[in-house]
Amino acid sequence: MFSVKRLIFNLPRIIGIDPGSHRVGYAILDRDDKTRKVSLIDYGTIEVKSEIQSPESLLLVHIELKDLLKKYKPEVASVEELFFFKNQKTVAQVYEARGVILFTLTERGIKILEPTITQIKKGVTGSGTADKKQVKEAIKLILGLKELKGHDDSWDAVAAGFVGLAMYR
């Protein structure tokens, strides 16, 4: 028989993504139905060497993301919404990468949530103006981690995934 409680608290595996032109942060998180504890399964970055230009760089992001999706089988993605950039060349490259990310997720039938950076910061620190160090420290406390290694793109992806779990209905 179908349980209403199970429906309300059953949260899927989520992939948090922090888009970038040559570095895309990702994080895989689960939430236990009984304890409601969030677990960080994996995190890191998809890195494309800066000398590899579009469209080849976009193809590499697509291939690497498809491999992650195949390995971890998330049902939902939380992809950080972009904010205004002063550098128009950079913003165009990041929007291209974000487009490839959204396409790859849609191609796999994954539900997409798009929190803003302010929502992500507020969701993990309580302040929409927190800096990267505060976000990192909050994530460590929330998930009970001693350290987070790697690039800040991957920490931002962890935060995006965590907030995505809270947004998911």
C-alpha atoms as a PDB file:
ATOM      1  CA  MET A   1       0.000   0.000   0.000  1.00  0.00           C
ATOM      2  CA  PHE A   2       1.093   3.513  -0.779  1.00  0.00           C
ATOM      3  CA  SER A   3       2.200   5.648   2.186  1.00  0.00           C
ATOM      4  CA  VAL A   4       1.605   9.404   2.363  1.00  0.00           C
ATOM      5  CA  LYS A   5       4.524   9.758   4.786  1.00  0.00           C
ATOM      6  CA  ARG A   6       6.818   8.004   2.292  1.00  0.00           C
ATOM      7  CA  LEU A   7       5.611  10.298  -0.481  1.00  0.00           C
ATOM      8  CA  ILE A   8       6.300  13.430   1.567  1.00  0.00           C
ATOM      9  CA  PHE A   9       9.746  12.477   2.854  1.00  0.00           C
ATOM     10  CA  ASN A  10      11.084  10.332   0.019  1.00  0.00           C
ATOM     11  CA  LEU A  11      13.670  12.557  -1.572  1.00  0.00           C
ATOM     12  CA  PRO A  12      15.589  11.395  -4.617  1.00  0.00           C
ATOM     13  CA  ARG A  13      19.302  11.413  -5.237  1.00  0.00           C
ATOM     14  CA  ILE A  14      20.291  14.875  -6.413  1.00  0.00           C
ATOM     15  CA  ILE A  15      23.187  16.309  -8.370  1.00  0.00           C
ATOM     16  CA  GLY A  16      24.167  19.865  -7.525  1.00  0.00           C
ATOM     17  CA  ILE A  17      25.903  21.754 -10.338  1.00  0.00           C
ATOM     18  CA  ASP A  18      27.864  25.013 -10.363  1.00  0.00           C
ATOM     19  CA  PRO A  19      28.248  25.945 -14.065  1.00  0.00           C
ATOM     20  CA  GLY A  20      31.451  27.415 -15.444  1.00  0.00           C
ATOM     21  CA  SER A  21      33.122  27.806 -18.814  1.00  0.00           C
ATOM     22  CA  HIS A  22      36.067  25.489 -18.119  1.00  0.00           C
ATOM     23  CA  ARG A  23      35.321  24.217 -14.622  1.00  0.00           C
ATOM     24  CA  VAL A  24      31.937  22.772 -13.664  1.00  0.00           C
ATOM     25  CA  GLY A  25      31.421  21.857 -10.017  1.00  0.00           C
ATOM     26  CA  TYR A  26      29.280  18.833  -9.213  1.00  0.00           C
ATOM     27  CA  ALA A  27      28.060  17.119  -6.058  1.00  0.00           C
ATOM     28  CA  ILE A  28      25.939  14.026  -5.495  1.00  0.00           C
ATOM     29  CA  LEU A  29      23.775  14.016  -2.353  1.00  0.00           C
ATOM     30  CA  ASP A  30      21.264  11.609  -0.803  1.00  0.00           C
ATOM     31  CA  ARG A  31      18.822  12.112   2.046  1.00  0.00           C
ATOM     32  CA  ASP A  32      17.838   9.192   4.266  1.00  0.00           C
ATOM     33  CA  ASP A  33      14.070   8.802   4.540  1.00  0.00           C
ATOM     34  CA  LYS A  34      14.111   7.756   8.197  1.00  0.00           C
ATOM     35  CA  THR A  35      16.779   9.970   9.731  1.00  0.00           C
ATOM     36  CA  ARG A  36      16.372  12.802   7.208  1.00  0.00           C
ATOM     37  CA  LYS A  37      20.161  13.073   7.264  1.00  0.00           C
ATOM     38  CA  VAL A  38      21.780  14.375   4.080  1.00  0.00           C
ATOM     39  CA  SER A  39      24.856  12.485   2.886  1.00  0.00           C
ATOM     40  CA  LEU A  40      27.470  13.717   0.453  1.00  0.00           C
ATOM     41  CA  ILE A  41      28.180  10.796  -1.891  1.00  0.00           C
ATOM     42  CA  ASP A  42      30.741  12.465  -4.181  1.00  0.00           C
ATOM     43  CA  TYR A  43      31.841  15.903  -5.319  1.00  0.00           C
ATOM     44  CA  GLY A  44      34.437  17.421  -7.595  1.00  0.00           C
ATOM     45  CA  THR A  45      34.887  19.325 -10.812  1.00  0.00           C
ATOM     46  CA  ILE A  46      34.668  18.631 -14.496  1.00  0.00           C
ATOM     47  CA  GLU A  47      37.719  20.464 -15.789  1.00  0.00           C
ATOM     48  CA  VAL A  48      38.465  21.401 -19.374  1.00  0.00           C
ATOM     49  CA  LYS A  49      41.877  22.871 -20.153  1.00  0.00           C
ATOM     50  CA  SER A  50      41.608  26.582 -20.932  1.00  0.00           C
ATOM     51  CA  GLU A  51      43.346  26.130 -24.289  1.00  0.00           C
ATOM     52  CA  ILE A  52      40.435  23.921 -25.449  1.00  0.00           C
ATOM     53  CA  GLN A  53      37.885  26.315 -26.873  1.00  0.00           C
ATOM     54  CA  SER A  54      34.194  26.042 -27.674  1.00  0.00           C
ATOM     55  CA  PRO A  55      32.631  23.932 -29.172  1.00  0.00           C
ATOM     56  CA  GLU A  56      35.135  21.204 -28.204  1.00  0.00           C
ATOM     57  CA  SER A  57      35.088  22.311 -24.561  1.00  0.00           C
ATOM     58  CA  LEU A  58      31.289  22.022 -24.526  1.00  0.00           C
ATOM     59  CA  LEU A  59      31.443  18.512 -25.940  1.00  0.00           C
ATOM     60  CA  LEU A  60      33.853  17.506 -23.159  1.00  0.00           C
ATOM     61  CA  VAL A  61      31.507  18.917 -20.489  1.00  0.00           C
ATOM     62  CA  HIS A  62      28.625  16.988 -22.088  1.00  0.00           C
ATOM     63  CA  ILE A  63      30.580  13.706 -22.140  1.00  0.00           C
ATOM     64  CA  GLU A  64      31.865  14.039 -18.563  1.00  0.00           C
ATOM     65  CA  LEU A  65      28.434  14.989 -17.209  1.00  0.00           C
ATOM     66  CA  LYS A  66      26.796  12.057 -19.030  1.00  0.00           C
ATOM     67  CA  ASP A  67      29.338   9.728 -17.379  1.00  0.00           C
ATOM     68  CA  LEU A  68      28.511  11.151 -13.920  1.00  0.00           C
ATOM     69  CA  LEU A  69      24.780  10.802 -14.544  1.00  0.00           C
ATOM     70  CA  LYS A  70      25.214   7.208 -15.692  1.00  0.00           C
ATOM     71  CA  LYS A  71      27.348   6.357 -12.643  1.00  0.00           C
ATOM     72  CA  TYR A  72      25.205   7.995  -9.932  1.00  0.00           C
ATOM     73  CA  LYS A  73      21.712   8.011 -11.509  1.00  0.00           C
ATOM     74  CA  PRO A  74      20.354  11.197  -9.911  1.00  0.00           C
ATOM     75  CA  GLU A  75      16.660  11.877 -10.398  1.00  0.00           C
ATOM     76  CA  VAL A  76      16.876  15.623  -9.772  1.00  0.00           C
ATOM     77  CA  ALA A  77      19.448  18.320 -10.523  1.00  0.00           C
ATOM     78  CA  SER A  78      19.952  21.645  -8.801  1.00  0.00           C
ATOM     79  CA  VAL A  79      21.777  23.923 -11.248  1.00  0.00           C
ATOM     80  CA  GLU A  80      22.871  27.306  -9.959  1.00  0.00           C
ATOM     81  CA  GLU A  81      21.184  30.121 -11.864  1.00  0.00           C
ATOM     82  CA  LEU A  82      23.667  32.598 -13.302  1.00  0.00           C
ATOM     83  CA  PHE A  83      23.992  36.170 -12.171  1.00  0.00           C
ATOM     84  CA  PHE A  84      25.146  39.206 -14.141  1.00  0.00           C
ATOM     85  CA  PHE A  85      28.798  39.271 -15.184  1.00  0.00           C
ATOM     86  CA  LYS A  86      30.718  42.404 -16.097  1.00  0.00           C
ATOM     87  CA  ASN A  87      32.871  40.521 -18.630  1.00  0.00           C
ATOM     88  CA  GLN A  88      30.624  39.786 -21.637  1.00  0.00           C
ATOM     89  CA  LYS A  89      33.023  37.190 -23.102  1.00  0.00           C
ATOM     90  CA  THR A  90      33.001  35.225 -19.845  1.00  0.00           C
ATOM     91  CA  VAL A  91      29.232  35.389 -19.459  1.00  0.00           C
ATOM     92  CA  ALA A  92      28.720  34.056 -22.993  1.00  0.00           C
ATOM     93  CA  GLN A  93      31.043  31.095 -22.326  1.00  0.00           C
ATOM     94  CA  VAL A  94      29.355  30.258 -19.021  1.00  0.00           C
ATOM     95  CA  TYR A  95      25.883  30.492 -20.582  1.00  0.00           C
ATOM     96  CA  GLU A  96      27.033  28.131 -23.362  1.00  0.00           C
ATOM     97  CA  ALA A  97      28.265  25.618 -20.765  1.00  0.00           C
ATOM     98  CA  ARG A  98      25.066  26.016 -18.753  1.00  0.00           C
ATOM     99  CA  GLY A  99      23.046  25.340 -21.896  1.00  0.00           C
ATOM    100  CA  VAL A 100      24.968  22.111 -22.489  1.00  0.00           C
ATOM    101  CA  ILE A 101      24.428  21.120 -18.841  1.00  0.00           C
ATOM    102  CA  LEU A 102      20.675  21.758 -19.042  1.00  0.00           C
ATOM    103  CA  PHE A 103      20.473  19.882 -22.354  1.00  0.00           C
ATOM    104  CA  THR A 104      22.362  16.881 -20.946  1.00  0.00           C
ATOM    105  CA  LEU A 105      20.123  16.727 -17.868  1.00  0.00           C
ATOM    106  CA  THR A 106      16.950  17.072 -19.942  1.00  0.00           C
ATOM    107  CA  GLU A 107      18.180  14.411 -22.352  1.00  0.00           C
ATOM    108  CA  ARG A 108      18.382  12.006 -19.386  1.00  0.00           C
ATOM    109  CA  GLY A 109      14.904  12.956 -18.105  1.00  0.00           C
ATOM    110  CA  ILE A 110      16.229  14.573 -14.925  1.00  0.00           C
ATOM    111  CA  LYS A 111      14.032  17.166 -13.178  1.00  0.00           C
ATOM    112  CA  ILE A 112      15.867  20.496 -12.982  1.00  0.00           C
ATOM    113  CA  LEU A 113      15.710  23.041 -10.144  1.00  0.00           C
ATOM    114  CA  GLU A 114      17.417  26.418 -10.609  1.00  0.00           C
ATOM    115  CA  PRO A 115      18.150  28.222  -7.346  1.00  0.00           C
ATOM    116  CA  THR A 116      19.833  31.613  -7.492  1.00  0.00           C
ATOM    117  CA  ILE A 117      23.168  32.197  -5.791  1.00  0.00           C
ATOM    118  CA  THR A 118      21.333  34.286  -3.160  1.00  0.00           C
ATOM    119  CA  GLN A 119      18.933  31.405  -2.427  1.00  0.00           C
ATOM    120  CA  ILE A 120      21.854  28.995  -2.154  1.00  0.00           C
ATOM    121  CA  LYS A 121      23.845  31.243   0.195  1.00  0.00           C
ATOM    122  CA  LYS A 122      20.783  31.930   2.338  1.00  0.00           C
ATOM    123  CA  GLY A 123      19.814  28.248   2.353  1.00  0.00           C
ATOM    124  CA  VAL A 124      23.132  27.108   3.810  1.00  0.00           C
ATOM    125  CA  THR A 125      24.302  30.107   5.855  1.00  0.00           C
ATOM    126  CA  GLY A 126      21.124  32.048   6.624  1.00  0.00           C
ATOM    127  CA  SER A 127      22.494  35.076   4.758  1.00  0.00           C
ATOM    128  CA  GLY A 128      22.122  35.794   1.056  1.00  0.00           C
ATOM    129  CA  THR A 129      25.321  37.847   1.156  1.00  0.00           C
ATOM    130  CA  ALA A 130      27.645  35.168   2.592  1.00  0.00           C
ATOM    131  CA  ASP A 131      31.064  34.789   1.009  1.00  0.00           C
ATOM    132  CA  LYS A 132      32.580  31.555  -0.358  1.00  0.00           C
ATOM    133  CA  LYS A 133      34.423  30.801   2.883  1.00  0.00           C
ATOM    134  CA  GLN A 134      31.201  31.106   4.912  1.00  0.00           C
ATOM    135  CA  VAL A 135      29.380  28.821   2.454  1.00  0.00           C
ATOM    136  CA  LYS A 136      32.169  26.240   2.708  1.00  0.00           C
ATOM    137  CA  GLU A 137      32.177  26.311   6.520  1.00  0.00           C
ATOM    138  CA  ALA A 138      28.371  26.073   6.676  1.00  0.00           C
ATOM    139  CA  ILE A 139      28.346  23.051   4.354  1.00  0.00           C
ATOM    140  CA  LYS A 140      30.991  21.345   6.499  1.00  0.00           C
ATOM    141  CA  LEU A 141      28.876  21.922   9.627  1.00  0.00           C
ATOM    142  CA  ILE A 142      25.576  20.891   8.033  1.00  0.00           C
ATOM    143  CA  LEU A 143      26.978  17.667   6.579  1.00  0.00           C
ATOM    144  CA  GLY A 144      29.298  16.882   9.503  1.00  0.00           C
ATOM    145  CA  LEU A 145      32.454  16.987   7.362  1.00  0.00           C
ATOM    146  CA  LYS A 146      35.941  17.666   8.671  1.00  0.00           C
ATOM    147  CA  GLU A 147      37.075  19.174   5.397  1.00  0.00           C
ATOM    148  CA  LEU A 148      36.107  19.909   1.821  1.00  0.00           C
ATOM    149  CA  LYS A 149      38.895  19.538  -0.698  1.00  0.00           C
ATOM    150  CA  GLY A 150      39.243  20.748  -4.246  1.00  0.00           C
ATOM    151  CA  HIS A 151      37.985  23.859  -5.971  1.00  0.00           C
ATOM    152  CA  ASP A 152      35.339  26.221  -4.676  1.00  0.00           C
ATOM    153  CA  ASP A 153      33.230  25.253  -7.707  1.00  0.00           C
ATOM    154  CA  SER A 154      32.710  21.838  -6.133  1.00  0.00           C
ATOM    155  CA  TRP A 155      31.766  23.349  -2.745  1.00  0.00           C
ATOM    156  CA  ASP A 156      29.287  25.621  -4.483  1.00  0.00           C
ATOM    157  CA  ALA A 157      27.815  22.520  -6.168  1.00  0.00           C
ATOM    158  CA  VAL A 158      27.431  20.836  -2.753  1.00  0.00           C
ATOM    159  CA  ALA A 159      25.560  23.916  -1.519  1.00  0.00           C
ATOM    160  CA  ALA A 160      23.389  23.964  -4.674  1.00  0.00           C
ATOM    161  CA  GLY A 161      22.535  20.286  -4.171  1.00  0.00           C
ATOM    162  CA  PHE A 162      21.695  20.796  -0.505  1.00  0.00           C
ATOM    163  CA  VAL A 163      19.377  23.709  -1.281  1.00  0.00           C
ATOM    164  CA  GLY A 164      17.889  21.712  -4.161  1.00  0.00           C
ATOM    165  CA  LEU A 165      16.913  18.972  -1.700  1.00  0.00           C
ATOM    166  CA  ALA A 166      15.114  21.586   0.382  1.00  0.00           C
ATOM    167  CA  MET A 167      13.373  23.023  -2.710  1.00  0.00           C
ATOM    168  CA  TYR A 168      12.289  19.660  -4.090  1.00  0.00           C
ATOM    169  CA  ARG A 169       8.604  18.813  -3.770  1.00  0.00           C
END
